[in-house]
PDB file of N, CA and C in Angstrom:
ATOM      1  N   MET A   1       0.718  -1.280  -0.190  1.00  0.00           N
ATOM      2  CA  MET A   1      -0.080   0.046   0.222  1.00  0.00           C
ATOM      3  C   MET A   1       0.680   1.167  -0.051  1.00  0.00           C
ATOM      4  N   LEU A   2       0.459   2.150  -0.762  1.00  0.00           N
ATOM      5  CA  LEU A   2       1.068   3.457  -0.832  1.00  0.00           C
ATOM      6  C   LEU A   2       0.719   4.642   0.214  1.00  0.00           C
ATOM      7  N   ASP A   3       1.623   5.026   0.761  1.00  0.00           N
ATOM      8  CA  ASP A   3       0.692   6.462   1.587  1.00  0.00           C
ATOM      9  C   ASP A   3       1.810   7.531   1.315  1.00  0.00           C
ATOM     10  N   ALA A   4       1.412   8.616   2.151  1.00  0.00           N
ATOM     11  CA  ALA A   4       1.993   9.713   2.049  1.00  0.00           C
ATOM     12  C   ALA A   4       3.104   9.553   2.611  1.00  0.00           C
ATOM     13  N   THR A   5       3.704   8.592   3.345  1.00  0.00           N
ATOM     14  CA  THR A   5       4.990   8.384   3.955  1.00  0.00           C
ATOM     15  C   THR A   5       6.786   8.242   2.493  1.00  0.00           C
ATOM     16  N   LEU A   6       5.648   8.095   1.656  1.00  0.00           N
ATOM     17  CA  LEU A   6       6.613   8.159   0.516  1.00  0.00           C
ATOM     18  C   LEU A   6       6.789   9.310  -0.364  1.00  0.00           C
ATOM     19  N   ILE A   7       6.548  10.261  -0.004  1.00  0.00           N
ATOM     20  CA  ILE A   7       6.622  11.201  -0.255  1.00  0.00           C
ATOM     21  C   ILE A   7       8.177  11.627  -0.169  1.00  0.00           C
ATOM     22  N   GLY A   8       9.292  12.106  -1.144  1.00  0.00           N
ATOM     23  CA  GLY A   8      10.420  12.006  -0.859  1.00  0.00           C
ATOM     24  C   GLY A   8      11.242  10.951  -1.348  1.00  0.00           C
ATOM     25  N   THR A   9      10.646  10.187  -1.673  1.00  0.00           N
ATOM     26  CA  THR A   9      11.564   8.540  -1.874  1.00  0.00           C
ATOM     27  C   THR A   9      11.841   8.943  -3.088  1.00  0.00           C
ATOM     28  N   LYS A  10      12.812   8.140  -3.384  1.00  0.00           N
ATOM     29  CA  LYS A  10      13.547   7.788  -4.798  1.00  0.00           C
ATOM     30  C   LYS A  10      12.396   6.929  -5.228  1.00  0.00           C
ATOM     31  N   LEU A  11      12.161   6.866  -6.770  1.00  0.00           N
ATOM     32  CA  LEU A  11      11.824   5.775  -7.605  1.00  0.00           C
ATOM     33  C   LEU A  11      12.670   5.359  -8.633  1.00  0.00           C
ATOM     34  N   VAL A  12      12.725   4.024  -8.479  1.00  0.00           N
ATOM     35  CA  VAL A  12      13.743   3.093  -9.525  1.00  0.00           C
ATOM     36  C   VAL A  12      12.918   2.494 -10.375  1.00  0.00           C
ATOM     37  N   ASP A  13      13.570   2.321 -11.698  1.00  0.00           N
ATOM     38  CA  ASP A  13      13.087   1.578 -12.649  1.00  0.00           C
ATOM     39  C   ASP A  13      13.210   0.282 -12.241  1.00  0.00           C
ATOM     40  N   ARG A  14      12.635  -0.665 -13.606  1.00  0.00           N
ATOM     41  CA  ARG A  14      13.243  -1.971 -13.133  1.00  0.00           C
ATOM     42  C   ARG A  14      14.507  -2.542 -13.359  1.00  0.00           C
ATOM     43  N   GLU A  15      15.656  -1.253 -13.538  1.00  0.00           N
ATOM     44  CA  GLU A  15      17.005  -1.822 -13.654  1.00  0.00           C
ATOM     45  C   GLU A  15      17.470  -1.297 -12.650  1.00  0.00           C
ATOM     46  N   GLY A  16      16.994  -0.780 -11.898  1.00  0.00           N
ATOM     47  CA  GLY A  16      17.643   0.144 -10.466  1.00  0.00           C
ATOM     48  C   GLY A  16      17.832   0.934 -11.089  1.00  0.00           C
ATOM     49  N   GLY A  17      17.765   2.055 -11.785  1.00  0.00           N
ATOM     50  CA  GLY A  17      17.877   3.144 -12.100  1.00  0.00           C
ATOM     51  C   GLY A  17      17.280   4.280 -11.805  1.00  0.00           C
ATOM     52  N   VAL A  18      17.794   5.296 -11.304  1.00  0.00           N
ATOM     53  CA  VAL A  18      16.521   6.180 -10.350  1.00  0.00           C
ATOM     54  C   VAL A  18      16.162   7.200 -12.003  1.00  0.00           C
ATOM     55  N   ILE A  19      14.720   7.216 -11.346  1.00  0.00           N
ATOM     56  CA  ILE A  19      13.639   7.930 -12.224  1.00  0.00           C
ATOM     57  C   ILE A  19      13.486   9.374 -12.210  1.00  0.00           C
ATOM     58  N   GLY A  20      13.516   9.696 -10.552  1.00  0.00           N
ATOM     59  CA  GLY A  20      13.213  10.708  -9.978  1.00  0.00           C
ATOM     60  C   GLY A  20      12.925  10.266  -8.591  1.00  0.00           C
ATOM     61  N   THR A  21      12.192  11.623  -8.060  1.00  0.00           N
ATOM     62  CA  THR A  21      11.530  11.361  -6.685  1.00  0.00           C
ATOM     63  C   THR A  21      10.296  11.664  -6.551  1.00  0.00           C
ATOM     64  N   ILE A  22       9.638  11.067  -5.033  1.00  0.00           N
ATOM     65  CA  ILE A  22       7.780  11.071  -5.592  1.00  0.00           C
ATOM     66  C   ILE A  22       8.019  12.237  -4.704  1.00  0.00           C
ATOM     67  N   ASP A  23       7.017  12.876  -5.595  1.00  0.00           N
ATOM     68  CA  ASP A  23       6.627  14.249  -5.164  1.00  0.00           C
ATOM     69  C   ASP A  23       5.369  14.759  -4.340  1.00  0.00           C
ATOM     70  N   ASP A  24       4.245  13.701  -4.718  1.00  0.00           N
ATOM     71  CA  ASP A  24       2.726  13.678  -4.465  1.00  0.00           C
ATOM     72  C   ASP A  24       2.025  12.265  -4.695  1.00  0.00           C
ATOM     73  N   LEU A  25       1.020  12.166  -4.203  1.00  0.00           N
ATOM     74  CA  LEU A  25       0.148  11.519  -4.419  1.00  0.00           C
ATOM     75  C   LEU A  25      -1.302  11.744  -4.703  1.00  0.00           C
ATOM     76  N   VAL A  26      -1.706  11.310  -6.245  1.00  0.00           N
ATOM     77  CA  VAL A  26      -2.660  11.917  -6.547  1.00  0.00           C
ATOM     78  C   VAL A  26      -4.277  10.967  -6.358  1.00  0.00           C
ATOM     79  N   VAL A  27      -5.293  11.547  -5.610  1.00  0.00           N
ATOM     80  CA  VAL A  27      -6.283  10.831  -5.399  1.00  0.00           C
ATOM     81  C   VAL A  27      -7.675  11.142  -6.492  1.00  0.00           C
ATOM     82  N   ASP A  28      -7.995  10.241  -6.729  1.00  0.00           N
ATOM     83  CA  ASP A  28      -9.357  10.547  -7.741  1.00  0.00           C
ATOM     84  C   ASP A  28     -10.586  10.961  -6.979  1.00  0.00           C
ATOM     85  N   PRO A  29     -10.950  12.178  -6.966  1.00  0.00           N
ATOM     86  CA  PRO A  29     -11.868  13.024  -6.134  1.00  0.00           C
ATOM     87  C   PRO A  29     -12.903  12.253  -5.928  1.00  0.00           C
ATOM     88  N   GLY A  30     -13.854  11.280  -7.099  1.00  0.00           N
ATOM     89  CA  GLY A  30     -14.999  10.303  -6.823  1.00  0.00           C
ATOM     90  C   GLY A  30     -14.879   9.478  -6.270  1.00  0.00           C
ATOM     91  N   SER A  31     -13.783   8.607  -6.254  1.00  0.00           N
ATOM     92  CA  SER A  31     -13.772   7.489  -5.437  1.00  0.00           C
ATOM     93  C   SER A  31     -12.718   7.765  -3.946  1.00  0.00           C
ATOM     94  N   LEU A  32     -12.096   8.353  -4.309  1.00  0.00           N
ATOM     95  CA  LEU A  32     -11.230   8.767  -3.125  1.00  0.00           C
ATOM     96  C   LEU A  32      -9.794   7.620  -3.095  1.00  0.00           C
ATOM     97  N   VAL A  33      -9.652   6.996  -4.189  1.00  0.00           N
ATOM     98  CA  VAL A  33      -8.754   6.132  -4.589  1.00  0.00           C
ATOM     99  C   VAL A  33      -7.347   6.841  -4.944  1.00  0.00           C
ATOM    100  N   CYS A  34      -6.475   6.552  -4.301  1.00  0.00           N
ATOM    101  CA  CYS A  34      -5.024   6.772  -5.209  1.00  0.00           C
ATOM    102  C   CYS A  34      -4.617   6.074  -6.526  1.00  0.00           C
ATOM    103  N   GLU A  35      -4.658   6.998  -7.388  1.00  0.00           N
ATOM    104  CA  GLU A  35      -4.492   6.482  -9.082  1.00  0.00           C
ATOM    105  C   GLU A  35      -3.504   6.685  -9.640  1.00  0.00           C
ATOM    106  N   TRP A  36      -2.229   7.678  -8.664  1.00  0.00           N
ATOM    107  CA  TRP A  36      -1.327   8.038  -9.486  1.00  0.00           C
ATOM    108  C   TRP A  36      -0.306   8.220  -8.359  1.00  0.00           C
ATOM    109  N   VAL A  37       1.046   8.738  -8.773  1.00  0.00           N
ATOM    110  CA  VAL A  37       1.877   8.865  -8.015  1.00  0.00           C
ATOM    111  C   VAL A  37       3.042  10.150  -8.937  1.00  0.00           C
ATOM    112  N   LYS A  38       3.024  11.326  -8.438  1.00  0.00           N
ATOM    113  CA  LYS A  38       3.652  12.295  -9.104  1.00  0.00           C
ATOM    114  C   LYS A  38       4.934  12.327  -8.803  1.00  0.00           C
ATOM    115  N   ILE A  39       5.698  12.479  -9.807  1.00  0.00           N
ATOM    116  CA  ILE A  39       7.147  11.905  -9.937  1.00  0.00           C
ATOM    117  C   ILE A  39       8.071  13.425 -10.586  1.00  0.00           C
ATOM    118  N   ARG A  40       8.710  14.004  -9.318  1.00  0.00           N
ATOM    119  CA  ARG A  40       9.641  15.012 -10.278  1.00  0.00           C
ATOM    120  C   ARG A  40      11.147  14.615 -10.486  1.00  0.00           C
ATOM    121  N   PHE A  41      11.877  15.200 -11.122  1.00  0.00           N
ATOM    122  CA  PHE A  41      12.832  15.025 -12.033  1.00  0.00           C
ATOM    123  C   PHE A  41      13.986  15.658 -11.655  1.00  0.00           C
ATOM    124  N   GLY A  42      13.841  16.900 -10.753  1.00  0.00           N
ATOM    125  CA  GLY A  42      14.699  17.571 -10.226  1.00  0.00           C
ATOM    126  C   GLY A  42      14.433  19.128 -10.073  1.00  0.00           C
ATOM    127  N   ILE A  43      15.115  19.801  -9.599  1.00  0.00           N
ATOM    128  CA  ILE A  43      14.025  21.077  -8.741  1.00  0.00           C
ATOM    129  C   ILE A  43      13.930  22.288  -9.639  1.00  0.00           C
ATOM    130  N   LEU A  44      14.179  22.381 -10.495  1.00  0.00           N
ATOM    131  CA  LEU A  44      13.781  23.031 -11.832  1.00  0.00           C
ATOM    132  C   LEU A  44      13.438  22.057 -13.308  1.00  0.00           C
ATOM    133  N   ARG A  45      13.045  20.901 -13.045  1.00  0.00           N
ATOM    134  CA  ARG A  45      12.414  20.204 -13.879  1.00  0.00           C
ATOM    135  C   ARG A  45      11.435  19.860 -14.114  1.00  0.00           C
ATOM    136  N   ASP A  46      10.320  19.003 -15.090  1.00  0.00           N
ATOM    137  CA  ASP A  46       9.159  19.007 -14.935  1.00  0.00           C
ATOM    138  C   ASP A  46       8.669  18.102 -13.883  1.00  0.00           C
ATOM    139  N   ARG A  47       7.437  17.631 -13.860  1.00  0.00           N
ATOM    140  CA  ARG A  47       6.640  16.667 -13.082  1.00  0.00           C
ATOM    141  C   ARG A  47       5.502  15.944 -13.766  1.00  0.00           C
ATOM    142  N   THR A  48       5.821  14.310 -13.647  1.00  0.00           N
ATOM    143  CA  THR A  48       4.813  13.623 -14.777  1.00  0.00           C
ATOM    144  C   THR A  48       4.262  12.986 -13.396  1.00  0.00           C
ATOM    145  N   LEU A  49       3.123  11.996 -13.904  1.00  0.00           N
ATOM    146  CA  LEU A  49       2.144  10.895 -13.284  1.00  0.00           C
ATOM    147  C   LEU A  49       2.792   9.667 -13.580  1.00  0.00           C
ATOM    148  N   VAL A  50       3.007   8.819 -12.488  1.00  0.00           N
ATOM    149  CA  VAL A  50       2.985   7.360 -12.790  1.00  0.00           C
ATOM    150  C   VAL A  50       1.488   6.271 -12.516  1.00  0.00           C
ATOM    151  N   PRO A  51       1.031   5.841 -13.099  1.00  0.00           N
ATOM    152  CA  PRO A  51       0.066   5.393 -12.523  1.00  0.00           C
ATOM    153  C   PRO A  51       0.066   4.527 -11.141  1.00  0.00           C
ATOM    154  N   ILE A  52      -0.354   4.128 -10.203  1.00  0.00           N
ATOM    155  CA  ILE A  52      -0.335   3.679  -9.219  1.00  0.00           C
ATOM    156  C   ILE A  52       0.275   2.183  -9.464  1.00  0.00           C
ATOM    157  N   ARG A  53      -0.598   1.412 -10.431  1.00  0.00           N
ATOM    158  CA  ARG A  53      -0.483  -0.066 -10.569  1.00  0.00           C
ATOM    159  C   ARG A  53       0.682  -0.426 -10.814  1.00  0.00           C
ATOM    160  N   ASP A  54       1.956   0.700 -11.660  1.00  0.00           N
ATOM    161  CA  ASP A  54       3.172   0.594 -11.631  1.00  0.00           C
ATOM    162  C   ASP A  54       4.176   0.626 -10.947  1.00  0.00           C
ATOM    163  N   ILE A  55       3.542   0.774  -9.351  1.00  0.00           N
ATOM    164  CA  ILE A  55       4.550   0.995  -8.465  1.00  0.00           C
ATOM    165  C   ILE A  55       4.719   0.031  -7.351  1.00  0.00           C
ATOM    166  N   HIS A  56       6.022  -0.370  -6.610  1.00  0.00           N
ATOM    167  CA  HIS A  56       5.561  -1.383  -6.098  1.00  0.00           C
ATOM    168  C   HIS A  56       6.426  -0.565  -4.805  1.00  0.00           C
ATOM    169  N   VAL A  57       6.510  -0.920  -3.424  1.00  0.00           N
ATOM    170  CA  VAL A  57       6.944  -0.651  -2.118  1.00  0.00           C
ATOM    171  C   VAL A  57       7.799  -1.979  -1.718  1.00  0.00           C
ATOM    172  N   ASP A  58       9.026  -1.600  -1.304  1.00  0.00           N
ATOM    173  CA  ASP A  58       9.609  -2.620  -1.013  1.00  0.00           C
ATOM    174  C   ASP A  58      10.288  -1.943   0.530  1.00  0.00           C
ATOM    175  N   HIS A  59      10.480  -2.935   1.533  1.00  0.00           N
ATOM    176  CA  HIS A  59      10.956  -2.844   2.649  1.00  0.00           C
ATOM    177  C   HIS A  59      11.952  -3.427   2.875  1.00  0.00           C
ATOM    178  N   VAL A  60      13.061  -2.811   2.692  1.00  0.00           N
ATOM    179  CA  VAL A  60      14.563  -3.495   2.913  1.00  0.00           C
ATOM    180  C   VAL A  60      15.374  -2.746   3.937  1.00  0.00           C
ATOM    181  N   ASP A  61      15.863  -3.538   4.377  1.00  0.00           N
ATOM    182  CA  ASP A  61      17.002  -2.623   5.866  1.00  0.00           C
ATOM    183  C   ASP A  61      16.121  -1.656   6.487  1.00  0.00           C
ATOM    184  N   ALA A  62      14.824  -1.968   6.841  1.00  0.00           N
ATOM    185  CA  ALA A  62      14.070  -0.900   7.596  1.00  0.00           C
ATOM    186  C   ALA A  62      13.908   0.581   7.073  1.00  0.00           C
ATOM    187  N   ARG A  63      14.294   0.467   5.812  1.00  0.00           N
ATOM    188  CA  ARG A  63      13.986   1.501   4.881  1.00  0.00           C
ATOM    189  C   ARG A  63      12.993   1.413   3.583  1.00  0.00           C
ATOM    190  N   ARG A  64      12.350   2.482   3.387  1.00  0.00           N
ATOM    191  CA  ARG A  64      11.258   1.584   2.050  1.00  0.00           C
ATOM    192  C   ARG A  64      12.037   2.332   0.770  1.00  0.00           C
ATOM    193  N   SER A  65      11.865   1.920  -0.075  1.00  0.00           N
ATOM    194  CA  SER A  65      12.154   2.259  -1.538  1.00  0.00           C
ATOM    195  C   SER A  65      10.881   2.120  -2.480  1.00  0.00           C
ATOM    196  N   ALA A  66      10.822   2.697  -3.366  1.00  0.00           N
ATOM    197  CA  ALA A  66       9.795   2.739  -4.608  1.00  0.00           C
ATOM    198  C   ALA A  66      10.388   2.103  -5.805  1.00  0.00           C
ATOM    199  N   SER A  67       9.932   1.246  -6.242  1.00  0.00           N
ATOM    200  CA  SER A  67      10.113   0.766  -7.958  1.00  0.00           C
ATOM    201  C   SER A  67       9.238   0.998  -8.984  1.00  0.00           C
ATOM    202  N   CYS A  68       9.350   1.201 -10.036  1.00  0.00           N
ATOM    203  CA  CYS A  68       8.642   1.171 -11.301  1.00  0.00           C
ATOM    204  C   CYS A  68       8.767   0.058 -12.194  1.00  0.00           C
ATOM    205  N   ALA A  69       7.387  -0.465 -12.740  1.00  0.00           N
ATOM    206  CA  ALA A  69       7.522  -1.463 -13.485  1.00  0.00           C
ATOM    207  C   ALA A  69       8.057  -0.707 -14.999  1.00  0.00           C
ATOM    208  N   LEU A  70       8.081   0.253 -15.253  1.00  0.00           N
ATOM    209  CA  LEU A  70       8.460   0.753 -16.388  1.00  0.00           C
ATOM    210  C   LEU A  70       9.467   1.700 -16.466  1.00  0.00           C
ATOM    211  N   SER A  71      10.300   1.605 -17.679  1.00  0.00           N
ATOM    212  CA  SER A  71      11.351   2.082 -17.932  1.00  0.00           C
ATOM    213  C   SER A  71      11.654   3.673 -17.231  1.00  0.00           C
ATOM    214  N   ARG A  72      12.785   4.030 -17.249  1.00  0.00           N
ATOM    215  CA  ARG A  72      13.167   5.137 -16.690  1.00  0.00           C
ATOM    216  C   ARG A  72      12.632   6.231 -18.107  1.00  0.00           C
ATOM    217  N   SER A  73      13.155   5.641 -19.220  1.00  0.00           N
ATOM    218  CA  SER A  73      12.906   6.696 -20.551  1.00  0.00           C
ATOM    219  C   SER A  73      11.006   6.899 -20.646  1.00  0.00           C
ATOM    220  N   ARG A  74      10.214   5.577 -20.741  1.00  0.00           N
ATOM    221  CA  ARG A  74       9.442   5.702 -20.347  1.00  0.00           C
ATOM    222  C   ARG A  74       8.364   6.921 -19.497  1.00  0.00           C
ATOM    223  N   VAL A  75       9.111   6.772 -18.378  1.00  0.00           N
ATOM    224  CA  VAL A  75       8.521   7.817 -17.571  1.00  0.00           C
ATOM    225  C   VAL A  75       9.046   9.091 -17.696  1.00  0.00           C
ATOM    226  N   ARG A  76       9.789   9.223 -17.890  1.00  0.00           N
ATOM    227  CA  ARG A  76      10.729  10.632 -18.410  1.00  0.00           C
ATOM    228  C   ARG A  76      10.135  11.162 -19.875  1.00  0.00           C
ATOM    229  N   SER A  77       9.532  10.333 -20.518  1.00  0.00           N
ATOM    230  CA  SER A  77       8.753  11.015 -21.959  1.00  0.00           C
ATOM    231  C   SER A  77       7.342  11.178 -21.796  1.00  0.00           C
ATOM    232  N   ALA A  78       6.755  10.730 -20.400  1.00  0.00           N
ATOM    233  CA  ALA A  78       5.525  10.889 -20.359  1.00  0.00           C
ATOM    234  C   ALA A  78       4.992  12.324 -20.129  1.00  0.00           C
ATOM    235  N   PRO A  79       3.628  12.743 -20.557  1.00  0.00           N
ATOM    236  CA  PRO A  79       3.349  14.186 -20.652  1.00  0.00           C
ATOM    237  C   PRO A  79       3.450  14.938 -19.355  1.00  0.00           C
ATOM    238  N   PRO A  80       4.211  15.715 -19.121  1.00  0.00           N
ATOM    239  CA  PRO A  80       4.398  16.501 -18.031  1.00  0.00           C
ATOM    240  C   PRO A  80       2.826  17.110 -17.223  1.00  0.00           C
ATOM    241  N   VAL A  81       2.716  17.448 -16.039  1.00  0.00           N
ATOM    242  CA  VAL A  81       1.953  17.928 -15.667  1.00  0.00           C
ATOM    243  C   VAL A  81       2.584  19.148 -14.589  1.00  0.00           C
ATOM    244  N   HIS A  82       1.773  20.151 -14.816  1.00  0.00           N
ATOM    245  CA  HIS A  82       2.149  21.162 -13.800  1.00  0.00           C
ATOM    246  C   HIS A  82       1.105  21.658 -13.093  1.00  0.00           C
ATOM    247  N   ASP A  83       0.357  21.643 -12.998  1.00  0.00           N
ATOM    248  CA  ASP A  83      -1.219  21.767 -11.895  1.00  0.00           C
ATOM    249  C   ASP A  83      -0.824  21.110 -10.846  1.00  0.00           C
ATOM    250  N   ARG A  84      -1.426  21.209  -9.485  1.00  0.00           N
ATOM    251  CA  ARG A  84      -1.516  20.380  -8.271  1.00  0.00           C
ATOM    252  C   ARG A  84      -2.895  19.728  -8.636  1.00  0.00           C
ATOM    253  N   ASN A  85      -4.034  19.955  -9.657  1.00  0.00           N
ATOM    254  CA  ASN A  85      -4.840  19.304  -9.416  1.00  0.00           C
ATOM    255  C   ASN A  85      -4.815  18.701 -10.833  1.00  0.00           C
ATOM    256  N   LEU A  86      -5.388  17.496 -10.918  1.00  0.00           N
ATOM    257  CA  LEU A  86      -5.303  16.747 -12.314  1.00  0.00           C
ATOM    258  C   LEU A  86      -6.549  17.014 -12.865  1.00  0.00           C
ATOM    259  N   ASP A  87      -6.337  17.786 -14.146  1.00  0.00           N
ATOM    260  CA  ASP A  87      -7.757  17.998 -14.660  1.00  0.00           C
ATOM    261  C   ASP A  87      -7.933  16.887 -16.453  1.00  0.00           C
ATOM    262  N   ALA A  88      -9.134  16.952 -16.136  1.00  0.00           N
ATOM    263  CA  ALA A  88      -9.810  15.915 -17.507  1.00  0.00           C
ATOM    264  C   ALA A  88      -8.643  15.719 -18.316  1.00  0.00           C
ATOM    265  N   ALA A  89      -8.334  16.628 -19.087  1.00  0.00           N
ATOM    266  CA  ALA A  89      -7.773  16.184 -20.970  1.00  0.00           C
ATOM    267  C   ALA A  89      -6.252  16.116 -19.898  1.00  0.00           C
ATOM    268  N   THR A  90      -5.646  16.161 -19.093  1.00  0.00           N
ATOM    269  CA  THR A  90      -4.542  15.525 -18.823  1.00  0.00           C
ATOM    270  C   THR A  90      -4.376  14.291 -17.957  1.00  0.00           C
ATOM    271  N   ARG A  91      -5.474  13.731 -17.304  1.00  0.00           N
ATOM    272  CA  ARG A  91      -5.876  12.706 -17.539  1.00  0.00           C
ATOM    273  C   ARG A  91      -5.619  11.991 -18.425  1.00  0.00           C
ATOM    274  N   HIS A  92      -6.504  12.233 -19.446  1.00  0.00           N
ATOM    275  CA  HIS A  92      -6.804  11.448 -20.393  1.00  0.00           C
ATOM    276  C   HIS A  92      -5.502  11.262 -21.361  1.00  0.00           C
ATOM    277  N   ARG A  93      -4.825  12.036 -21.433  1.00  0.00           N
ATOM    278  CA  ARG A  93      -3.588  12.200 -22.027  1.00  0.00           C
ATOM    279  C   ARG A  93      -2.550  11.293 -21.717  1.00  0.00           C
ATOM    280  N   LEU A  94      -2.449  10.994 -20.191  1.00  0.00           N
ATOM    281  CA  LEU A  94      -1.539  10.096 -19.546  1.00  0.00           C
ATOM    282  C   LEU A  94      -2.185   8.915 -19.725  1.00  0.00           C
ATOM    283  N   LEU A  95      -3.684   8.500 -19.375  1.00  0.00           N
ATOM    284  CA  LEU A  95      -4.403   7.053 -19.531  1.00  0.00           C
ATOM    285  C   LEU A  95      -3.837   6.645 -21.137  1.00  0.00           C
ATOM    286  N   ARG A  96      -3.925   7.873 -22.080  1.00  0.00           N
ATOM    287  CA  ARG A  96      -3.453   7.043 -23.188  1.00  0.00           C
ATOM    288  C   ARG A  96      -2.091   6.706 -23.409  1.00  0.00           C
ATOM    289  N   TYR A  97      -1.129   7.778 -22.768  1.00  0.00           N
ATOM    290  CA  TYR A  97       0.156   7.456 -23.209  1.00  0.00           C
ATOM    291  C   TYR A  97       0.570   6.105 -22.261  1.00  0.00           C
ATOM    292  N   TYR A  98      -0.107   5.994 -21.443  1.00  0.00           N
ATOM    293  CA  TYR A  98       0.556   4.602 -20.436  1.00  0.00           C
ATOM    294  C   TYR A  98      -0.250   3.555 -20.984  1.00  0.00           C
ATOM    295  N   GLY A  99      -1.329   3.849 -21.948  1.00  0.00           N
ATOM    296  CA  GLY A  99      -2.046   2.556 -22.593  1.00  0.00           C
ATOM    297  C   GLY A  99      -3.271   1.940 -21.645  1.00  0.00           C
ATOM    298  N   ILE A 100      -4.069   2.707 -20.847  1.00  0.00           N
ATOM    299  CA  ILE A 100      -4.743   2.309 -20.127  1.00  0.00           C
ATOM    300  C   ILE A 100      -6.120   2.823 -20.281  1.00  0.00           C
ATOM    301  N   ASP A 101      -7.237   1.593 -20.422  1.00  0.00           N
ATOM    302  CA  ASP A 101      -8.616   1.984 -20.660  1.00  0.00           C
ATOM    303  C   ASP A 101      -8.856   2.996 -19.693  1.00  0.00           C
ATOM    304  N   ASP A 102      -9.679   4.064 -20.029  1.00  0.00           N
ATOM    305  CA  ASP A 102     -10.615   4.744 -18.871  1.00  0.00           C
ATOM    306  C   ASP A 102     -11.823   4.342 -19.124  1.00  0.00           C
ATOM    307  N   LEU A 103     -12.175   3.974 -17.743  1.00  0.00           N
ATOM    308  CA  LEU A 103     -13.548   3.430 -17.279  1.00  0.00           C
ATOM    309  C   LEU A 103     -14.216   4.279 -16.706  1.00  0.00           C
ATOM    310  N   ALA A 104     -13.613   5.390 -16.273  1.00  0.00           N
ATOM    311  CA  ALA A 104     -14.389   6.768 -16.096  1.00  0.00           C
ATOM    312  C   ALA A 104     -15.245   7.504 -16.610  1.00  0.00           C
TER     313      ALA A 104
END
């Protein structure tokens, strides 16, 4: 289960390369279920979202880390997200990018 304690944690890809830092969790306002993890690439760089289904939390050496089933380049090429709130157009763009059927 992902929770707010992961904010600030490094996200690594399936090969162990650092993708970025978990900056926030995005909750669907209708279902109140966490759908996305917001990733920051650097202080002055863009942020994007990764589907929650592609994130795995490891508990190793009493330290938490998060890994992603997607490659670093796939996440870094995702559409950027600038606003704190996820608008419908950005959500649909991200769903298409990640190949997720929009059931809502």
